[in-house]
Amino acid sequence: MDEISLLLKTYGITNPTLTRTTGVFKDTSLQNLYKTLTAQGATGLVAAFGVGTTIEKIDIADLQKDLKSTMPTAMKLSLDRLLNGSQNHLAAFSR
C-alpha cells in the first residue's frame, strides 16, 4: 500500500483510499462484490479459501489488463510485483 501510495503521489494521481472507509467503494458493482464475497467468506473456512481464490483471480485479470496500458516504468514494475504476489496467493489458496 505504501509503495502504490507513493507512486500515486509522485504522478499526481488521487489516492481513493484516503477518503474512504475500509470496505466502502464508490463503484457500486465493486461494493456489491465486496458485500457478496464478505458474506460468503464468513460462512466457514473452506468458503473463505474459495473467496480468496476468487479475489486473486479477479486481481490477476485486472492487473494483466492494466499492464497492457502505457505507464511509467516505476508503475509497471509495481504492478508486475502485485501480479506476482497475486499469482502466489492464488496458488496458496488453491492448495
PDB file of N, CA and C in Angstrom:
ATOM      1  N   MET A   1       0.837  -1.192   0.000  1.00  0.00           N
ATOM      2  CA  MET A   1       0.000   0.000   0.000  1.00  0.00           C
ATOM      3  C   MET A   1       0.877   1.249   0.000  1.00  0.00           C
ATOM      4  N   ASP A   2       1.965   1.195   0.779  1.00  0.00           N
ATOM      5  CA  ASP A   2       2.850   2.357   0.856  1.00  0.00           C
ATOM      6  C   ASP A   2       3.504   2.647  -0.489  1.00  0.00           C
ATOM      7  N   GLU A   3       3.933   1.589  -1.185  1.00  0.00           N
ATOM      8  CA  GLU A   3       4.588   1.767  -2.485  1.00  0.00           C
ATOM      9  C   GLU A   3       3.628   2.367  -3.501  1.00  0.00           C
ATOM     10  N   ILE A   4       2.426   1.843  -3.558  1.00  0.00           N
ATOM     11  CA  ILE A   4       1.435   2.360  -4.505  1.00  0.00           C
ATOM     12  C   ILE A   4       1.039   3.787  -4.124  1.00  0.00           C
ATOM     13  N   SER A   5       0.883   4.057  -2.852  1.00  0.00           N
ATOM     14  CA  SER A   5       0.560   5.403  -2.392  1.00  0.00           C
ATOM     15  C   SER A   5       1.628   6.403  -2.835  1.00  0.00           C
ATOM     16  N   LEU A   6       2.886   6.015  -2.694  1.00  0.00           N
ATOM     17  CA  LEU A   6       3.983   6.879  -3.119  1.00  0.00           C
ATOM     18  C   LEU A   6       3.959   7.110  -4.621  1.00  0.00           C
ATOM     19  N   LEU A   7       3.694   6.062  -5.394  1.00  0.00           N
ATOM     20  CA  LEU A   7       3.605   6.217  -6.850  1.00  0.00           C
ATOM     21  C   LEU A   7       2.471   7.161  -7.241  1.00  0.00           C
ATOM     22  N   LEU A   8       1.322   6.994  -6.592  1.00  0.00           N
ATOM     23  CA  LEU A   8       0.197   7.874  -6.897  1.00  0.00           C
ATOM     24  C   LEU A   8       0.559   9.322  -6.613  1.00  0.00           C
ATOM     25  N   LYS A   9       1.210   9.550  -5.488  1.00  0.00           N
ATOM     26  CA  LYS A   9       1.621  10.907  -5.129  1.00  0.00           C
ATOM     27  C   LYS A   9       2.648  11.441  -6.126  1.00  0.00           C
ATOM     28  N   THR A  10       3.611  10.597  -6.500  1.00  0.00           N
ATOM     29  CA  THR A  10       4.659  11.005  -7.443  1.00  0.00           C
ATOM     30  C   THR A  10       4.080  11.441  -8.782  1.00  0.00           C
ATOM     31  N   TYR A  11       3.061  10.728  -9.251  1.00  0.00           N
ATOM     32  CA  TYR A  11       2.488  11.019 -10.566  1.00  0.00           C
ATOM     33  C   TYR A  11       1.218  11.860 -10.498  1.00  0.00           C
ATOM     34  N   GLY A  12       0.921  12.412  -9.323  1.00  0.00           N
ATOM     35  CA  GLY A  12      -0.207  13.324  -9.194  1.00  0.00           C
ATOM     36  C   GLY A  12      -1.567  12.669  -9.381  1.00  0.00           C
ATOM     37  N   ILE A  13      -1.677  11.412  -8.959  1.00  0.00           N
ATOM     38  CA  ILE A  13      -2.937  10.687  -9.074  1.00  0.00           C
ATOM     39  C   ILE A  13      -3.573  10.616  -7.691  1.00  0.00           C
ATOM     40  N   THR A  14      -4.844  10.962  -7.611  1.00  0.00           N
ATOM     41  CA  THR A  14      -5.557  10.944  -6.341  1.00  0.00           C
ATOM     42  C   THR A  14      -5.632   9.529  -5.795  1.00  0.00           C
ATOM     43  N   ASN A  15      -5.313   9.372  -4.538  1.00  0.00           N
ATOM     44  CA  ASN A  15      -5.391   8.079  -3.866  1.00  0.00           C
ATOM     45  C   ASN A  15      -6.796   7.923  -3.287  1.00  0.00           C
ATOM     46  N   PRO A  16      -7.610   7.057  -3.874  1.00  0.00           N
ATOM     47  CA  PRO A  16      -9.002   6.937  -3.413  1.00  0.00           C
ATOM     48  C   PRO A  16      -9.128   6.322  -2.026  1.00  0.00           C
ATOM     49  N   THR A  17      -8.094   5.675  -1.533  1.00  0.00           N
ATOM     50  CA  THR A  17      -8.194   5.042  -0.211  1.00  0.00           C
ATOM     51  C   THR A  17      -8.098   6.045   0.927  1.00  0.00           C
ATOM     52  N   LEU A  18      -7.665   7.259   0.632  1.00  0.00           N
ATOM     53  CA  LEU A  18      -7.510   8.254   1.688  1.00  0.00           C
ATOM     54  C   LEU A  18      -8.831   8.845   2.154  1.00  0.00           C
ATOM     55  N   THR A  19      -9.851   8.762   1.325  1.00  0.00           N
ATOM     56  CA  THR A  19     -11.137   9.377   1.660  1.00  0.00           C
ATOM     57  C   THR A  19     -12.251   8.352   1.844  1.00  0.00           C
ATOM     58  N   ARG A  20     -11.888   7.087   1.930  1.00  0.00           N
ATOM     59  CA  ARG A  20     -12.899   6.042   2.048  1.00  0.00           C
ATOM     60  C   ARG A  20     -12.649   5.197   3.298  1.00  0.00           C
ATOM     61  N   THR A  21     -13.728   4.738   3.878  1.00  0.00           N
ATOM     62  CA  THR A  21     -13.663   3.795   4.978  1.00  0.00           C
ATOM     63  C   THR A  21     -13.403   2.407   4.398  1.00  0.00           C
ATOM     64  N   THR A  22     -12.692   1.570   5.134  1.00  0.00           N
ATOM     65  CA  THR A  22     -12.438   0.206   4.695  1.00  0.00           C
ATOM     66  C   THR A  22     -13.751  -0.477   4.344  1.00  0.00           C
ATOM     67  N   GLY A  23     -13.779  -1.100   3.167  1.00  0.00           N
ATOM     68  CA  GLY A  23     -14.971  -1.818   2.732  1.00  0.00           C
ATOM     69  C   GLY A  23     -16.032  -0.963   2.078  1.00  0.00           C
ATOM     70  N   VAL A  24     -15.745   0.319   1.857  1.00  0.00           N
ATOM     71  CA  VAL A  24     -16.695   1.216   1.202  1.00  0.00           C
ATOM     72  C   VAL A  24     -16.096   1.645  -0.138  1.00  0.00           C
ATOM     73  N   PHE A  25     -16.852   1.390  -1.218  1.00  0.00           N
ATOM     74  CA  PHE A  25     -16.376   1.660  -2.565  1.00  0.00           C
ATOM     75  C   PHE A  25     -17.340   2.574  -3.307  1.00  0.00           C
ATOM     76  N   LYS A  26     -16.805   3.456  -4.122  1.00  0.00           N
ATOM     77  CA  LYS A  26     -17.621   4.366  -4.925  1.00  0.00           C
ATOM     78  C   LYS A  26     -18.337   3.597  -6.036  1.00  0.00           C
ATOM     79  N   ASP A  27     -17.638   2.652  -6.634  1.00  0.00           N
ATOM     80  CA  ASP A  27     -18.182   1.831  -7.719  1.00  0.00           C
ATOM     81  C   ASP A  27     -19.193   0.837  -7.130  1.00  0.00           C
ATOM     82  N   THR A  28     -20.450   0.913  -7.573  1.00  0.00           N
ATOM     83  CA  THR A  28     -21.498   0.076  -6.984  1.00  0.00           C
ATOM     84  C   THR A  28     -21.289  -1.412  -7.267  1.00  0.00           C
ATOM     85  N   SER A  29     -20.759  -1.761  -8.435  1.00  0.00           N
ATOM     86  CA  SER A  29     -20.540  -3.179  -8.714  1.00  0.00           C
ATOM     87  C   SER A  29     -19.442  -3.734  -7.810  1.00  0.00           C
ATOM     88  N   LEU A  30     -18.416  -2.935  -7.543  1.00  0.00           N
ATOM     89  CA  LEU A  30     -17.355  -3.350  -6.633  1.00  0.00           C
ATOM     90  C   LEU A  30     -17.885  -3.446  -5.202  1.00  0.00           C
ATOM     91  N   GLN A  31     -18.742  -2.515  -4.817  1.00  0.00           N
ATOM     92  CA  GLN A  31     -19.349  -2.549  -3.488  1.00  0.00           C
ATOM     93  C   GLN A  31     -20.185  -3.812  -3.315  1.00  0.00           C
ATOM     94  N   ASN A  32     -20.973  -4.139  -4.339  1.00  0.00           N
ATOM     95  CA  ASN A  32     -21.811  -5.338  -4.275  1.00  0.00           C
ATOM     96  C   ASN A  32     -20.955  -6.604  -4.218  1.00  0.00           C
ATOM     97  N   LEU A  33     -19.880  -6.637  -4.997  1.00  0.00           N
ATOM     98  CA  LEU A  33     -18.978  -7.782  -4.975  1.00  0.00           C
ATOM     99  C   LEU A  33     -18.359  -7.938  -3.590  1.00  0.00           C
ATOM    100  N   TYR A  34     -17.929  -6.833  -2.997  1.00  0.00           N
ATOM    101  CA  TYR A  34     -17.360  -6.858  -1.646  1.00  0.00           C
ATOM    102  C   TYR A  34     -18.348  -7.448  -0.641  1.00  0.00           C
ATOM    103  N   LYS A  35     -19.585  -6.969  -0.693  1.00  0.00           N
ATOM    104  CA  LYS A  35     -20.606  -7.453   0.250  1.00  0.00           C
ATOM    105  C   LYS A  35     -20.877  -8.948   0.046  1.00  0.00           C
ATOM    106  N   THR A  36     -20.979  -9.359  -1.213  1.00  0.00           N
ATOM    107  CA  THR A  36     -21.248 -10.764  -1.528  1.00  0.00           C
ATOM    108  C   THR A  36     -20.109 -11.663  -1.057  1.00  0.00           C
ATOM    109  N   LEU A  37     -18.873 -11.278  -1.387  1.00  0.00           N
ATOM    110  CA  LEU A  37     -17.727 -12.115  -1.027  1.00  0.00           C
ATOM    111  C   LEU A  37     -17.483 -12.128   0.476  1.00  0.00           C
ATOM    112  N   THR A  38     -17.707 -11.005   1.141  1.00  0.00           N
ATOM    113  CA  THR A  38     -17.551 -10.961   2.591  1.00  0.00           C
ATOM    114  C   THR A  38     -18.551 -11.893   3.260  1.00  0.00           C
ATOM    115  N   ALA A  39     -19.784 -11.874   2.790  1.00  0.00           N
ATOM    116  CA  ALA A  39     -20.812 -12.761   3.341  1.00  0.00           C
ATOM    117  C   ALA A  39     -20.471 -14.221   3.072  1.00  0.00           C
ATOM    118  N   GLN A  40     -20.026 -14.528   1.859  1.00  0.00           N
ATOM    119  CA  GLN A  40     -19.657 -15.910   1.527  1.00  0.00           C
ATOM    120  C   GLN A  40     -18.492 -16.384   2.389  1.00  0.00           C
ATOM    121  N   GLY A  41     -17.480 -15.556   2.521  1.00  0.00           N
ATOM    122  CA  GLY A  41     -16.299 -15.934   3.278  1.00  0.00           C
ATOM    123  C   GLY A  41     -16.564 -16.123   4.755  1.00  0.00           C
ATOM    124  N   ALA A  42     -17.595 -15.484   5.259  1.00  0.00           N
ATOM    125  CA  ALA A  42     -17.913 -15.575   6.683  1.00  0.00           C
ATOM    126  C   ALA A  42     -18.608 -16.883   7.057  1.00  0.00           C
ATOM    127  N   THR A  43     -18.961 -17.697   6.065  1.00  0.00           N
ATOM    128  CA  THR A  43     -19.716 -18.917   6.359  1.00  0.00           C
ATOM    129  C   THR A  43     -18.838 -20.075   6.815  1.00  0.00           C
ATOM    130  N   GLY A  44     -17.537 -19.968   6.603  1.00  0.00           N
ATOM    131  CA  GLY A  44     -16.661 -21.046   7.053  1.00  0.00           C
ATOM    132  C   GLY A  44     -15.296 -20.978   6.402  1.00  0.00           C
ATOM    133  N   LEU A  45     -14.402 -21.807   6.883  1.00  0.00           N
ATOM    134  CA  LEU A  45     -13.017 -21.789   6.416  1.00  0.00           C
ATOM    135  C   LEU A  45     -12.891 -22.143   4.941  1.00  0.00           C
ATOM    136  N   VAL A  46     -13.573 -23.201   4.515  1.00  0.00           N
ATOM    137  CA  VAL A  46     -13.493 -23.608   3.105  1.00  0.00           C
ATOM    138  C   VAL A  46     -14.043 -22.497   2.215  1.00  0.00           C
ATOM    139  N   ALA A  47     -15.136 -21.889   2.628  1.00  0.00           N
ATOM    140  CA  ALA A  47     -15.720 -20.781   1.862  1.00  0.00           C
ATOM    141  C   ALA A  47     -14.765 -19.600   1.806  1.00  0.00           C
ATOM    142  N   ALA A  48     -14.079 -19.328   2.904  1.00  0.00           N
ATOM    143  CA  ALA A  48     -13.121 -18.215   2.947  1.00  0.00           C
ATOM    144  C   ALA A  48     -11.974 -18.455   1.959  1.00  0.00           C
ATOM    145  N   PHE A  49     -11.489 -19.688   1.884  1.00  0.00           N
ATOM    146  CA  PHE A  49     -10.445 -20.002   0.903  1.00  0.00           C
ATOM    147  C   PHE A  49     -10.975 -19.836  -0.522  1.00  0.00           C
ATOM    148  N   GLY A  50     -12.227 -20.209  -0.730  1.00  0.00           N
ATOM    149  CA  GLY A  50     -12.839 -20.021  -2.043  1.00  0.00           C
ATOM    150  C   GLY A  50     -12.933 -18.553  -2.418  1.00  0.00           C
ATOM    151  N   VAL A  51     -13.295 -17.726  -1.451  1.00  0.00           N
ATOM    152  CA  VAL A  51     -13.363 -16.280  -1.679  1.00  0.00           C
ATOM    153  C   VAL A  51     -11.971 -15.735  -1.985  1.00  0.00           C
ATOM    154  N   GLY A  52     -10.974 -16.203  -1.241  1.00  0.00           N
ATOM    155  CA  GLY A  52      -9.594 -15.788  -1.518  1.00  0.00           C
ATOM    156  C   GLY A  52      -9.185 -16.125  -2.938  1.00  0.00           C
ATOM    157  N   THR A  53      -9.541 -17.310  -3.391  1.00  0.00           N
ATOM    158  CA  THR A  53      -9.253 -17.730  -4.770  1.00  0.00           C
ATOM    159  C   THR A  53      -9.943 -16.806  -5.763  1.00  0.00           C
ATOM    160  N   THR A  54     -11.204 -16.524  -5.529  1.00  0.00           N
ATOM    161  CA  THR A  54     -11.966 -15.631  -6.421  1.00  0.00           C
ATOM    162  C   THR A  54     -11.331 -14.246  -6.493  1.00  0.00           C
ATOM    163  N   ILE A  55     -10.978 -13.698  -5.347  1.00  0.00           N
ATOM    164  CA  ILE A  55     -10.381 -12.358  -5.308  1.00  0.00           C
ATOM    165  C   ILE A  55      -9.068 -12.323  -6.073  1.00  0.00           C
ATOM    166  N   GLU A  56      -8.224 -13.331  -5.880  1.00  0.00           N
ATOM    167  CA  GLU A  56      -6.936 -13.340  -6.583  1.00  0.00           C
ATOM    168  C   GLU A  56      -7.123 -13.480  -8.084  1.00  0.00           C
ATOM    169  N   LYS A  57      -8.092 -14.266  -8.536  1.00  0.00           N
ATOM    170  CA  LYS A  57      -8.363 -14.386  -9.972  1.00  0.00           C
ATOM    171  C   LYS A  57      -8.803 -13.042 -10.553  1.00  0.00           C
ATOM    172  N   ILE A  58      -9.639 -12.337  -9.821  1.00  0.00           N
ATOM    173  CA  ILE A  58     -10.081 -11.006 -10.265  1.00  0.00           C
ATOM    174  C   ILE A  58      -8.891 -10.045 -10.300  1.00  0.00           C
ATOM    175  N   ASP A  59      -8.075 -10.061  -9.246  1.00  0.00           N
ATOM    176  CA  ASP A  59      -6.894  -9.195  -9.199  1.00  0.00           C
ATOM    177  C   ASP A  59      -5.957  -9.471 -10.362  1.00  0.00           C
ATOM    178  N   ILE A  60      -5.709 -10.750 -10.642  1.00  0.00           N
ATOM    179  CA  ILE A  60      -4.809 -11.128 -11.737  1.00  0.00           C
ATOM    180  C   ILE A  60      -5.339 -10.605 -13.066  1.00  0.00           C
ATOM    181  N   ALA A  61      -6.613 -10.801 -13.327  1.00  0.00           N
ATOM    182  CA  ALA A  61      -7.211 -10.325 -14.583  1.00  0.00           C
ATOM    183  C   ALA A  61      -7.109  -8.807 -14.688  1.00  0.00           C
ATOM    184  N   ASP A  62      -7.404  -8.104 -13.592  1.00  0.00           N
ATOM    185  CA  ASP A  62      -7.323  -6.638 -13.598  1.00  0.00           C
ATOM    186  C   ASP A  62      -5.890  -6.154 -13.837  1.00  0.00           C
ATOM    187  N   LEU A  63      -4.939  -6.782 -13.141  1.00  0.00           N
ATOM    188  CA  LEU A  63      -3.538  -6.370 -13.295  1.00  0.00           C
ATOM    189  C   LEU A  63      -3.025  -6.657 -14.700  1.00  0.00           C
ATOM    190  N   GLN A  64      -3.376  -7.803 -15.258  1.00  0.00           N
ATOM    191  CA  GLN A  64      -2.943  -8.126 -16.620  1.00  0.00           C
ATOM    192  C   GLN A  64      -3.502  -7.118 -17.615  1.00  0.00           C
ATOM    193  N   LYS A  65      -4.748  -6.720 -17.419  1.00  0.00           N
ATOM    194  CA  LYS A  65      -5.367  -5.705 -18.285  1.00  0.00           C
ATOM    195  C   LYS A  65      -4.634  -4.372 -18.132  1.00  0.00           C
ATOM    196  N   ASP A  66      -4.396  -3.958 -16.883  1.00  0.00           N
ATOM    197  CA  ASP A  66      -3.728  -2.682 -16.629  1.00  0.00           C
ATOM    198  C   ASP A  66      -2.310  -2.655 -17.193  1.00  0.00           C
ATOM    199  N   LEU A  67      -1.617  -3.782 -17.124  1.00  0.00           N
ATOM    200  CA  LEU A  67      -0.233  -3.830 -17.592  1.00  0.00           C
ATOM    201  C   LEU A  67      -0.109  -3.685 -19.105  1.00  0.00           C
ATOM    202  N   LYS A  68      -1.215  -3.813 -19.821  1.00  0.00           N
ATOM    203  CA  LYS A  68      -1.206  -3.605 -21.277  1.00  0.00           C
ATOM    204  C   LYS A  68      -1.207  -2.118 -21.622  1.00  0.00           C
ATOM    205  N   SER A  69      -1.500  -1.270 -20.639  1.00  0.00           N
ATOM    206  CA  SER A  69      -1.546   0.179 -20.848  1.00  0.00           C
ATOM    207  C   SER A  69      -0.141   0.770 -20.805  1.00  0.00           C
ATOM    208  N   THR A  70       0.006   1.918 -21.408  1.00  0.00           N
ATOM    209  CA  THR A  70       1.262   2.649 -21.323  1.00  0.00           C
ATOM    210  C   THR A  70       1.320   3.343 -19.967  1.00  0.00           C
ATOM    211  N   MET A  71       2.455   3.187 -19.293  1.00  0.00           N
ATOM    212  CA  MET A  71       2.620   3.799 -17.978  1.00  0.00           C
ATOM    213  C   MET A  71       4.101   3.948 -17.684  1.00  0.00           C
ATOM    214  N   PRO A  72       4.444   4.777 -16.718  1.00  0.00           N
ATOM    215  CA  PRO A  72       5.840   4.920 -16.331  1.00  0.00           C
ATOM    216  C   PRO A  72       6.418   3.578 -15.854  1.00  0.00           C
ATOM    217  N   THR A  73       7.694   3.411 -16.055  1.00  0.00           N
ATOM    218  CA  THR A  73       8.378   2.165 -15.692  1.00  0.00           C
ATOM    219  C   THR A  73       8.173   1.804 -14.224  1.00  0.00           C
ATOM    220  N   ALA A  74       8.244   2.779 -13.333  1.00  0.00           N
ATOM    221  CA  ALA A  74       8.080   2.511 -11.904  1.00  0.00           C
ATOM    222  C   ALA A  74       6.696   1.929 -11.609  1.00  0.00           C
ATOM    223  N   MET A  75       5.679   2.423 -12.296  1.00  0.00           N
ATOM    224  CA  MET A  75       4.325   1.899 -12.096  1.00  0.00           C
ATOM    225  C   MET A  75       4.221   0.469 -12.618  1.00  0.00           C
ATOM    226  N   LYS A  76       4.787   0.240 -13.790  1.00  0.00           N
ATOM    227  CA  LYS A  76       4.758  -1.099 -14.380  1.00  0.00           C
ATOM    228  C   LYS A  76       5.452  -2.093 -13.453  1.00  0.00           C
ATOM    229  N   LEU A  77       6.586  -1.710 -12.911  1.00  0.00           N
ATOM    230  CA  LEU A  77       7.321  -2.589 -12.007  1.00  0.00           C
ATOM    231  C   LEU A  77       6.482  -2.927 -10.774  1.00  0.00           C
ATOM    232  N   SER A  78       5.815  -1.944 -10.221  1.00  0.00           N
ATOM    233  CA  SER A  78       4.974  -2.185  -9.047  1.00  0.00           C
ATOM    234  C   SER A  78       3.799  -3.100  -9.379  1.00  0.00           C
ATOM    235  N   LEU A  79       3.180  -2.878 -10.537  1.00  0.00           N
ATOM    236  CA  LEU A  79       2.062  -3.733 -10.927  1.00  0.00           C
ATOM    237  C   LEU A  79       2.536  -5.153 -11.211  1.00  0.00           C
ATOM    238  N   ASP A  80       3.725  -5.289 -11.793  1.00  0.00           N
ATOM    239  CA  ASP A  80       4.312  -6.620 -12.003  1.00  0.00           C
ATOM    240  C   ASP A  80       4.501  -7.342 -10.669  1.00  0.00           C
ATOM    241  N   ARG A  81       4.967  -6.613  -9.665  1.00  0.00           N
ATOM    242  CA  ARG A  81       5.145  -7.209  -8.334  1.00  0.00           C
ATOM    243  C   ARG A  81       3.805  -7.623  -7.731  1.00  0.00           C
ATOM    244  N   LEU A  82       2.798  -6.781  -7.896  1.00  0.00           N
ATOM    245  CA  LEU A  82       1.469  -7.128  -7.396  1.00  0.00           C
ATOM    246  C   LEU A  82       0.923  -8.361  -8.117  1.00  0.00           C
ATOM    247  N   LEU A  83       1.153  -8.443  -9.431  1.00  0.00           N
ATOM    248  CA  LEU A  83       0.710  -9.600 -10.204  1.00  0.00           C
ATOM    249  C   LEU A  83       1.389 -10.864  -9.696  1.00  0.00           C
ATOM    250  N   ASN A  84       2.681 -10.793  -9.479  1.00  0.00           N
ATOM    251  CA  ASN A  84       3.418 -11.945  -8.961  1.00  0.00           C
ATOM    252  C   ASN A  84       2.870 -12.367  -7.600  1.00  0.00           C
ATOM    253  N   GLY A  85       2.612 -11.391  -6.734  1.00  0.00           N
ATOM    254  CA  GLY A  85       2.049 -11.690  -5.429  1.00  0.00           C
ATOM    255  C   GLY A  85       0.682 -12.346  -5.531  1.00  0.00           C
ATOM    256  N   SER A  86      -0.162 -11.842  -6.410  1.00  0.00           N
ATOM    257  CA  SER A  86      -1.497 -12.425  -6.580  1.00  0.00           C
ATOM    258  C   SER A  86      -1.414 -13.844  -7.127  1.00  0.00           C
ATOM    259  N   GLN A  87      -0.479 -14.091  -8.027  1.00  0.00           N
ATOM    260  CA  GLN A  87      -0.309 -15.453  -8.555  1.00  0.00           C
ATOM    261  C   GLN A  87       0.135 -16.403  -7.440  1.00  0.00           C
ATOM    262  N   ASN A  88       1.028 -15.931  -6.573  1.00  0.00           N
ATOM    263  CA  ASN A  88       1.459 -16.745  -5.434  1.00  0.00           C
ATOM    264  C   ASN A  88       0.311 -16.986  -4.453  1.00  0.00           C
ATOM    265  N   HIS A  89      -0.473 -15.949  -4.212  1.00  0.00           N
ATOM    266  CA  HIS A  89      -1.614 -16.091  -3.304  1.00  0.00           C
ATOM    267  C   HIS A  89      -2.637 -17.078  -3.887  1.00  0.00           C
ATOM    268  N   LEU A  90      -2.882 -16.984  -5.187  1.00  0.00           N
ATOM    269  CA  LEU A  90      -3.832 -17.895  -5.830  1.00  0.00           C
ATOM    270  C   LEU A  90      -3.366 -19.344  -5.665  1.00  0.00           C
ATOM    271  N   ALA A  91      -2.084 -19.577  -5.882  1.00  0.00           N
ATOM    272  CA  ALA A  91      -1.552 -20.930  -5.705  1.00  0.00           C
ATOM    273  C   ALA A  91      -1.737 -21.408  -4.266  1.00  0.00           C
ATOM    274  N   ALA A  92      -1.505 -20.526  -3.310  1.00  0.00           N
ATOM    275  CA  ALA A  92      -1.659 -20.906  -1.902  1.00  0.00           C
ATOM    276  C   ALA A  92      -3.121 -21.196  -1.565  1.00  0.00           C
ATOM    277  N   PHE A  93      -4.032 -20.340  -1.997  1.00  0.00           N
ATOM    278  CA  PHE A  93      -5.449 -20.574  -1.735  1.00  0.00           C
ATOM    279  C   PHE A  93      -5.925 -21.862  -2.403  1.00  0.00           C
ATOM    280  N   SER A  94      -5.419 -22.145  -3.593  1.00  0.00           N
ATOM    281  CA  SER A  94      -5.836 -23.335  -4.334  1.00  0.00           C
ATOM    282  C   SER A  94      -5.359 -24.617  -3.663  1.00  0.00           C
ATOM    283  N   ARG A  95      -4.204 -24.542  -3.001  1.00  0.00           N
ATOM    284  CA  ARG A  95      -3.715 -25.727  -2.260  1.00  0.00           C
ATOM    285  C   ARG A  95      -4.610 -26.009  -1.081  1.00  0.00           C
TER     286      ARG A  95
END
